Protein backbone atom coordinates (compact mmCIF):
# COMPACT_ATOMS: atom_id res chain seq x y z
CA MET A 1 7.33 0.20 8.62
CA THR A 2 5.69 -2.39 6.38
CA ARG A 3 7.10 -3.10 2.93
CA LEU A 4 4.64 -4.17 0.28
CA SER A 5 4.95 -5.62 -3.19
CA ILE A 6 2.09 -4.27 -5.34
CA PRO A 7 2.60 -5.84 -8.79
CA ASP A 8 -0.40 -4.13 -10.44
CA MET A 9 0.76 -0.61 -9.50
CA SER A 10 1.87 0.98 -12.75
CA CYS A 11 1.12 4.71 -12.75
CA GLY A 12 0.44 7.84 -10.73
CA HIS A 13 -3.30 7.14 -10.73
CA CYS A 14 -2.57 3.75 -9.12
CA ARG A 15 -0.47 5.43 -6.42
CA ALA A 16 -3.23 7.95 -5.73
CA SER A 17 -5.83 5.17 -5.42
CA ILE A 18 -3.59 3.18 -3.08
CA GLU A 19 -2.83 6.17 -0.88
CA GLY A 20 -6.52 7.09 -0.82
CA ALA A 21 -7.43 3.60 0.41
CA LEU A 22 -4.74 3.49 3.11
CA ALA A 23 -4.76 7.08 4.44
CA PRO A 24 -8.07 6.74 6.37
CA LEU A 25 -6.90 3.60 8.21
CA PRO A 26 -6.31 4.10 11.94
CA GLY A 27 -2.58 4.23 12.63
CA PHE A 28 -1.57 5.16 9.07
CA ARG A 29 1.12 7.87 8.92
CA SER A 30 2.61 7.90 5.42
CA ILE A 31 3.49 5.88 2.35
CA ARG A 32 6.52 5.98 0.05
CA PHE A 33 6.30 4.45 -3.39
CA ASP A 34 8.98 2.86 -5.57
CA GLN A 35 7.06 2.67 -8.83
CA GLU A 36 9.96 1.12 -10.75
CA ASN A 37 10.01 -1.90 -8.44
CA ARG A 38 6.26 -1.73 -7.75
CA THR A 39 6.77 -1.61 -4.02
CA ALA A 40 5.70 0.69 -1.21
CA GLU A 41 6.75 1.35 2.38
CA VAL A 42 3.95 2.16 4.79
CA GLU A 43 4.76 4.02 8.01
CA GLY A 44 2.47 3.69 10.99
CA GLN A 45 0.82 1.08 13.14
CA VAL A 46 -1.64 -0.57 10.76
CA PRO A 47 -1.93 -4.37 11.01
CA GLU A 48 -0.59 -6.14 7.93
CA VAL A 49 -3.87 -7.94 7.34
CA THR A 50 -5.69 -4.58 7.32
CA LEU A 51 -3.29 -3.14 4.73
CA LEU A 52 -3.64 -6.18 2.49
CA SER A 53 -7.43 -6.20 2.82
CA ALA A 54 -7.72 -2.49 1.99
CA LEU A 55 -5.56 -2.90 -1.12
CA ASP A 56 -7.37 -6.03 -2.24
CA SER A 57 -10.72 -4.24 -1.92
CA ILE A 58 -9.63 -1.65 -4.52
CA GLY A 59 -8.14 -4.18 -6.94
CA PHE A 60 -4.47 -4.01 -5.93
CA PRO A 61 -3.58 -7.36 -4.38
CA ALA A 62 -0.31 -7.03 -2.48
CA GLN A 63 2.18 -9.10 -0.55
CA ILE A 64 4.25 -8.29 2.51
CA LEU A 65 7.99 -8.15 1.80
CA ARG A 66 10.17 -9.46 4.59
């Protein structure tokens, strides 16, 4: 599991865009959103740099939460 902070995520449309960008990635299994805290938990075996790059490419810069 990879925890992400996605500060620009503010609505359901944002969540749909984020899931749409991550779902095709090899190794992606699922994502759970916490919209209130603007975080997400990604399940699967996707490299962190790949997740961050995919989100950045659609205008949602993110950070890994440790």
